Protein backbone atom coordinates (compact mmCIF):
# COMPACT_ATOMS: atom_id res chain seq x y z
CA UNK A 1 201.82 45.20 65.39
CA UNK A 2 202.87 42.20 67.51
CA UNK A 3 202.18 39.75 64.69
CA UNK A 4 204.02 41.94 62.19
CA UNK A 5 207.15 42.16 64.35
CA UNK A 6 207.01 38.42 65.03
CA UNK A 7 207.21 37.74 61.30
CA UNK A 8 210.03 40.23 60.77
CA UNK A 9 212.08 39.02 63.72
CA UNK A 10 211.72 35.38 62.80
CA UNK A 11 214.33 36.07 60.14
CA UNK A 12 216.87 37.53 62.57
CA UNK A 13 219.79 35.14 62.96
CA UNK A 14 222.26 35.60 65.78
CA UNK A 15 225.59 33.90 65.32
CA UNK A 16 226.81 31.79 68.24
CA UNK A 17 229.76 32.58 70.44
CA UNK A 18 233.08 30.82 70.26
CA UNK A 19 233.01 30.70 74.03
CA UNK A 20 230.10 28.28 73.89
CA UNK A 21 230.50 25.80 76.73
CA UNK A 22 228.73 23.98 79.51
CA UNK A 23 229.29 25.01 83.12
CA UNK A 24 232.61 23.52 84.14
CA UNK A 25 234.49 23.01 87.38
CA UNK A 26 237.99 24.14 88.22
CA UNK A 27 239.19 20.55 87.92
CA UNK A 28 237.93 20.20 84.36
CA UNK A 29 240.69 19.42 81.89
CA UNK A 30 240.94 22.03 79.14
CA UNK A 31 241.05 19.34 76.47
CA UNK A 32 237.44 18.32 77.16
CA UNK A 33 236.01 21.84 77.09
CA UNK A 34 233.86 22.27 73.98
CA UNK A 35 234.68 25.30 71.89
CA UNK A 36 237.99 26.96 71.13
CA UNK A 37 237.66 29.91 73.52
CA UNK A 38 237.53 27.99 76.83
CA UNK A 39 240.47 25.81 75.83
CA UNK A 40 242.48 28.94 75.07
CA UNK A 41 241.61 30.58 78.39
CA UNK A 42 242.45 27.37 80.26
CA UNK A 43 245.89 27.38 78.66
CA UNK A 44 246.72 30.79 80.17
CA UNK A 45 248.52 31.05 83.52
CA UNK A 46 246.61 31.66 86.74
CA UNK A 47 247.66 34.87 88.43
CA UNK A 48 246.95 36.31 91.91
CA UNK A 49 243.64 38.16 92.20
CA UNK A 50 243.15 41.56 93.80
CA UNK A 51 240.04 42.30 95.88
CA UNK A 52 238.78 44.46 93.02
CA UNK A 53 239.28 41.68 90.45
CA UNK A 54 237.28 39.31 92.67
CA UNK A 55 234.52 41.88 93.13
CA UNK A 56 234.34 42.49 89.38
CA UNK A 57 234.20 38.78 88.52
CA UNK A 58 231.33 38.14 90.93
CA UNK A 59 229.48 41.25 89.76
CA UNK A 60 229.82 40.39 86.06
CA UNK A 61 228.61 36.83 86.72
CA UNK A 62 225.36 38.22 88.12
CA UNK A 63 225.13 40.98 85.52
CA UNK A 64 225.22 38.37 82.73
CA UNK A 65 222.50 36.53 84.66
CA UNK A 66 220.51 39.76 84.74
CA UNK A 67 220.66 39.89 80.94
CA UNK A 68 219.69 36.22 80.58
CA UNK A 69 216.79 36.48 83.03
CA UNK A 70 215.37 39.72 81.60
CA UNK A 71 215.53 38.37 78.04
CA UNK A 72 213.90 35.13 79.17
CA UNK A 73 211.06 37.10 80.75
CA UNK A 74 210.66 39.31 77.68
CA UNK A 75 210.58 36.29 75.39
CA UNK A 76 207.76 34.81 77.49
CA UNK A 77 205.84 38.07 77.10
CA UNK A 78 206.41 38.78 73.42
CA UNK A 79 207.59 35.48 71.89
CA UNK A 80 210.26 37.34 69.90
CA UNK A 81 213.11 35.06 68.71
CA UNK A 82 215.71 37.79 69.31
CA UNK A 83 215.13 37.58 73.08
CA UNK A 84 215.31 33.79 73.15
CA UNK A 85 218.47 33.68 71.03
CA UNK A 86 220.33 36.30 73.01
CA UNK A 87 219.23 34.75 76.32
CA UNK A 88 220.98 31.57 75.21
CA UNK A 89 224.10 33.57 74.40
CA UNK A 90 223.98 35.20 77.84
CA UNK A 91 223.93 31.72 79.39
CA UNK A 92 227.19 31.01 77.59
CA UNK A 93 228.58 34.26 78.97
CA UNK A 94 227.55 33.16 82.45
CA UNK A 95 229.23 29.81 81.91
CA UNK A 96 232.52 31.38 80.96
CA UNK A 97 232.53 33.56 84.07
CA UNK A 98 231.66 30.47 86.11
CA UNK A 99 234.74 28.82 84.63
CA UNK A 100 236.88 31.68 85.97
CA UNK A 101 235.13 31.64 89.36
CA UNK A 102 235.82 27.92 89.70
CA UNK A 103 239.35 28.34 88.38
CA UNK A 104 240.14 30.74 91.21
CA UNK A 105 238.12 28.84 93.86
CA UNK A 106 235.68 31.69 94.46
CA UNK A 107 232.17 31.33 95.84
CA UNK A 108 229.59 31.70 93.08
CA UNK A 109 226.82 34.24 93.86
CA UNK A 110 224.50 32.55 91.36
CA UNK A 111 224.85 29.26 93.20
CA UNK A 112 223.95 30.97 96.47
CA UNK A 113 220.58 32.06 95.01
CA UNK A 114 220.01 28.66 93.39
CA UNK A 115 220.15 30.23 89.89
CA UNK A 116 216.45 31.02 90.23
CA UNK A 117 215.02 33.21 87.49
CA UNK A 118 214.94 36.84 88.62
CA UNK A 119 216.75 36.21 91.93
CA UNK A 120 220.03 38.02 92.65
CA UNK A 121 222.37 38.34 95.60
CA UNK A 122 223.35 41.82 94.43
CA UNK A 123 220.54 44.10 95.63
CA UNK A 124 221.21 46.72 92.95
CA UNK A 125 220.85 44.12 90.21
CA UNK A 126 217.73 42.76 91.94
CA UNK A 127 216.08 46.18 91.74
CA UNK A 128 217.29 46.67 88.16
CA UNK A 129 215.78 43.34 87.09
CA UNK A 130 212.37 44.35 88.44
CA UNK A 131 212.59 47.79 86.80
CA UNK A 132 213.64 46.47 83.38
CA UNK A 133 211.06 43.70 83.21
CA UNK A 134 208.33 46.18 84.14
CA UNK A 135 209.55 48.61 81.48
CA UNK A 136 209.80 45.86 78.87
CA UNK A 137 206.23 44.75 79.55
CA UNK A 138 204.79 48.04 78.27
CA UNK A 139 205.31 47.40 74.55
CA UNK A 140 207.54 45.57 72.12
CA UNK A 141 209.45 48.77 71.42
CA UNK A 142 210.06 49.24 75.14
CA UNK A 143 211.24 45.63 75.36
CA UNK A 144 213.73 46.15 72.53
CA UNK A 145 215.00 49.34 74.17
CA UNK A 146 215.47 47.39 77.40
CA UNK A 147 217.63 44.95 75.45
CA UNK A 148 219.79 47.76 74.06
CA UNK A 149 220.06 49.31 77.54
CA UNK A 150 221.27 46.06 79.09
CA UNK A 151 223.98 45.68 76.45
CA UNK A 152 224.89 49.35 76.88
CA UNK A 153 225.41 48.79 80.62
CA UNK A 154 227.21 45.51 80.07
CA UNK A 155 229.74 47.05 77.68
CA UNK A 156 230.47 49.91 80.10
CA UNK A 157 230.90 47.62 83.10
CA UNK A 158 233.13 45.24 81.13
CA UNK A 159 235.24 48.18 79.94
CA UNK A 160 235.72 49.30 83.54
CA UNK A 161 236.47 45.79 84.81
CA UNK A 162 238.97 45.30 81.99
CA UNK A 163 240.88 48.40 83.12
CA UNK A 164 241.10 46.98 86.65
CA UNK A 165 242.65 43.61 85.80
CA UNK A 166 246.11 42.59 84.70
CA UNK A 167 245.24 38.88 84.55
CA UNK A 168 245.39 37.72 80.97
CA UNK A 169 242.78 34.97 81.36
CA UNK A 170 240.25 37.38 82.90
CA UNK A 171 241.01 40.06 80.32
CA UNK A 172 240.50 37.54 77.51
CA UNK A 173 237.08 36.53 78.85
CA UNK A 174 236.03 40.16 79.31
CA UNK A 175 237.13 40.99 75.74
CA UNK A 176 235.01 38.15 74.38
CA UNK A 177 231.98 39.02 76.50
CA UNK A 178 232.26 42.62 75.31
CA UNK A 179 232.38 41.43 71.71
CA UNK A 180 229.20 39.46 72.32
CA UNK A 181 227.52 42.48 73.91
CA UNK A 182 228.43 44.63 70.92
CA UNK A 183 226.82 42.05 68.63
CA UNK A 184 223.71 41.98 70.81
CA UNK A 185 223.47 45.76 70.73
CA UNK A 186 223.71 45.67 66.94
CA UNK A 187 220.81 43.20 66.85
CA UNK A 188 218.49 45.18 69.12
CA UNK A 189 219.25 48.58 67.59
CA UNK A 190 218.90 47.29 64.03
CA UNK A 191 215.35 46.16 64.82
CA UNK A 192 214.54 49.45 66.53
CA UNK A 193 215.74 51.31 63.45
CA UNK A 194 213.20 49.44 61.33
CA UNK A 195 210.56 51.29 63.30
CA UNK A 196 212.28 54.66 63.02
CA UNK A 197 213.73 54.62 66.54
CA UNK A 198 217.38 55.42 67.26
CA UNK A 199 218.54 54.18 70.63
CA UNK A 200 220.30 56.79 72.78
CA UNK A 201 223.14 55.33 74.86
CA UNK A 202 222.95 55.82 78.61
CA UNK A 203 226.29 54.36 79.72
CA UNK A 204 228.79 54.29 76.85
CA UNK A 205 229.58 57.47 74.93
CA UNK A 206 227.66 58.47 71.78
CA UNK A 207 230.89 58.06 69.79
CA UNK A 208 231.37 54.51 71.09
CA UNK A 209 227.77 53.70 70.28
CA UNK A 210 228.06 55.01 66.71
CA UNK A 211 231.26 53.01 66.21
CA UNK A 212 229.51 49.81 67.32
CA UNK A 213 226.30 50.10 65.32
CA UNK A 214 228.21 51.39 62.31
CA UNK A 215 230.41 48.29 62.13
CA UNK A 216 229.74 44.70 61.15
CA UNK A 217 228.92 41.69 63.33
CA UNK A 218 232.10 40.38 64.96
CA UNK A 219 233.11 36.73 64.71
CA UNK A 220 236.02 34.72 66.03
CA UNK A 221 237.76 34.38 69.38
CA UNK A 222 239.20 37.58 70.83
CA UNK A 223 242.69 36.94 72.15
CA UNK A 224 243.27 39.05 75.24
CA UNK A 225 246.74 40.23 74.31
CA UNK A 226 245.59 42.13 71.23
CA UNK A 227 241.82 42.59 71.58
CA UNK A 228 241.17 41.46 68.01
CA UNK A 229 238.95 38.66 66.77
CA UNK A 230 240.75 35.82 65.01
CA UNK A 231 238.97 33.09 63.05
CA UNK A 232 240.31 29.71 64.10
CA UNK A 233 240.45 28.29 60.58
CA UNK A 234 241.24 30.48 57.63
CA UNK A 235 242.70 29.10 54.42
CA UNK A 236 245.97 30.85 53.59
CA UNK A 237 247.93 30.45 50.34
CA UNK A 238 251.63 31.12 49.86
CA UNK A 239 254.11 30.39 47.11
CA UNK A 240 257.86 30.68 46.92
CA UNK A 241 261.23 29.00 46.58
CA UNK A 242 262.15 26.18 48.91
CA UNK A 243 265.23 27.04 50.98
CA UNK A 244 265.27 24.08 53.33
CA UNK A 245 263.64 20.65 53.84
CA UNK A 246 264.12 19.12 57.26
CA UNK A 247 262.60 17.11 60.12
CA UNK A 248 261.60 18.34 63.56
CA UNK A 249 259.79 17.08 66.69
CA UNK A 250 256.00 17.29 66.51
CA UNK A 251 254.10 20.46 67.35
CA UNK A 252 251.95 18.70 69.92
CA UNK A 253 253.52 15.30 70.56
CA UNK A 254 257.29 15.76 70.53
CA UNK A 255 257.84 12.06 69.91
CA UNK A 256 256.26 12.32 66.46
CA UNK A 257 258.72 13.57 63.86
CA UNK A 258 257.43 15.94 61.17
CA UNK A 259 258.54 16.97 57.71
CA UNK A 260 258.97 20.73 57.47
CA UNK A 261 259.66 22.87 54.41
CA UNK A 262 261.04 26.39 54.63
CA UNK A 263 259.85 28.65 51.81
CA UNK A 264 261.16 32.06 50.86
CA UNK A 265 258.22 34.30 49.90
CA UNK A 266 258.03 38.02 49.02
CA UNK A 267 257.04 38.61 52.69
CA UNK A 268 259.91 36.62 54.16
CA UNK A 269 260.54 33.00 55.10
CA UNK A 270 257.59 30.76 55.98
CA UNK A 271 257.82 27.46 57.85
CA UNK A 272 255.40 24.91 56.36
CA UNK A 273 254.46 21.90 58.49
CA UNK A 274 253.83 19.10 55.99
CA UNK A 275 253.06 15.81 57.76
CA UNK A 276 254.57 13.21 60.12
CA UNK A 277 257.32 11.14 58.50
CA UNK A 278 255.28 7.96 59.00
CA UNK A 279 252.80 9.38 56.45
CA UNK A 280 255.52 10.32 53.95
CA UNK A 281 258.82 8.46 54.43
CA UNK A 282 260.27 10.86 51.85
CA UNK A 283 259.27 14.10 50.09
CA UNK A 284 259.67 14.90 46.41
CA UNK A 285 260.60 18.48 47.33
CA UNK A 286 264.15 19.82 47.42
CA UNK A 287 265.75 23.23 47.97
CA UNK A 288 265.42 25.36 44.84
CA UNK A 289 261.94 24.06 43.92
CA UNK A 290 259.14 26.62 43.69
CA UNK A 291 256.01 25.35 45.44
CA UNK A 292 252.44 26.54 46.03
CA UNK A 293 250.94 25.92 49.48
CA UNK A 294 247.38 26.16 50.84
CA UNK A 295 247.12 25.78 54.59
CA UNK A 296 245.91 27.23 57.88
CA UNK A 297 247.11 28.17 61.36
CA UNK A 298 245.85 25.67 63.97
CA UNK A 299 244.15 27.33 66.97
CA UNK A 300 246.61 25.96 69.52
CA UNK A 301 249.52 27.39 67.50
CA UNK A 302 248.13 30.86 68.15
CA UNK A 303 248.27 30.71 71.92
CA UNK A 304 251.57 28.79 71.93
CA UNK A 305 253.07 31.40 69.59
CA UNK A 306 254.08 28.77 67.03
CA UNK A 307 254.92 30.47 63.77
CA UNK A 308 254.23 29.03 60.36
CA UNK A 309 251.52 27.24 58.42
CA UNK A 310 250.00 23.76 58.54
CA UNK A 311 249.78 22.55 54.94
CA UNK A 312 246.56 21.28 53.40
CA UNK A 313 247.91 20.95 49.86
CA UNK A 314 251.37 21.46 48.32
CA UNK A 315 251.92 21.71 44.58
CA UNK A 316 255.38 21.23 43.11
CA UNK A 317 254.94 22.02 39.38
CA UNK A 318 258.60 21.38 38.59
CA UNK A 319 258.32 17.73 39.59
CA UNK A 320 254.64 17.28 38.70
CA UNK A 321 253.76 16.38 42.29
CA UNK A 322 250.77 17.48 44.39
CA UNK A 323 250.46 16.51 48.05
CA UNK A 324 246.87 16.49 49.33
CA UNK A 325 247.33 16.20 53.06
CA UNK A 326 244.27 17.80 54.65
CA UNK A 327 240.95 19.24 53.54
CA UNK A 328 240.94 22.94 54.45
CA UNK A 329 237.32 23.31 53.33
CA UNK A 330 236.23 20.52 55.67
CA UNK A 331 238.07 22.19 58.55
CA UNK A 332 236.31 25.47 57.81
CA UNK A 333 232.90 23.78 57.70
CA UNK A 334 233.64 21.91 60.92
CA UNK A 335 234.64 25.12 62.65
CA UNK A 336 231.46 26.93 61.59
CA UNK A 337 229.24 24.07 62.74
CA UNK A 338 231.02 23.70 66.07
CA UNK A 339 230.70 27.32 67.01
CA UNK A 340 227.27 28.46 65.96
């Protein structure tokens, strides 16, 4: 049985989290944080913390450690890739909570225990670790059910903590950790189903459980203000009549002047960022032309609420001109490789 499951699970691939990052200090500049998620969270304002928000942050930091440590122990027992892969993801979850703890100058409970495997400051989590590892040592099926149980608990505790915070940076992190936990639950329960076993939720409701396992793997950063995942790079195409061609200060560096084209489409007017004027001293596009645009929305535009589209290519059939400014396909490939 063990050999059979090893072969089957070797094909299970768990996508990485956009919040992938190394442990960082409060003084770390957001621009050097790897991954799109941490840079987004770092851009959000710091807000006063309540005692409950502090308690929840410290608890979730150790609860993510619980998941990492249990999965590490279960991988050592059973050598199942699913445990190793998700343990790595839980480390990234821990790192993101550490970022918040450092950001608000809180004392890290994991640091106080030396981040030793299976050691917790929270006595309840200490007892739970021992119980879950013992249960998971009985059989591979028990180990997989332990995995589903941990994610079940994690989702419930994150839901509760989310209700108790009004800080946008904390809410954004919790939303993303919850998305990761839903993906982990999908992985564990899908394997259990191969052996005719349906996990029964112990913490979230049966309806919530069915909604999770009945939906697809979630990708993209969850932005805390809307709770939805958004892919950082997605090629978008629009076409319409040019209503205005003008110059404006740069979107990042205000000293760089950009060409911008306003296009009237069936869905309304769209602002198209073309390129800095040093790249194109002039544009062969004038009001009245009908153009076709392929572009994307840069990640930093999303959290700065900049509307419009960054052009990759612009076709102007009337004048027989095509501007090839950026490679959208390369940006998509780069994004996927960065965030596995």
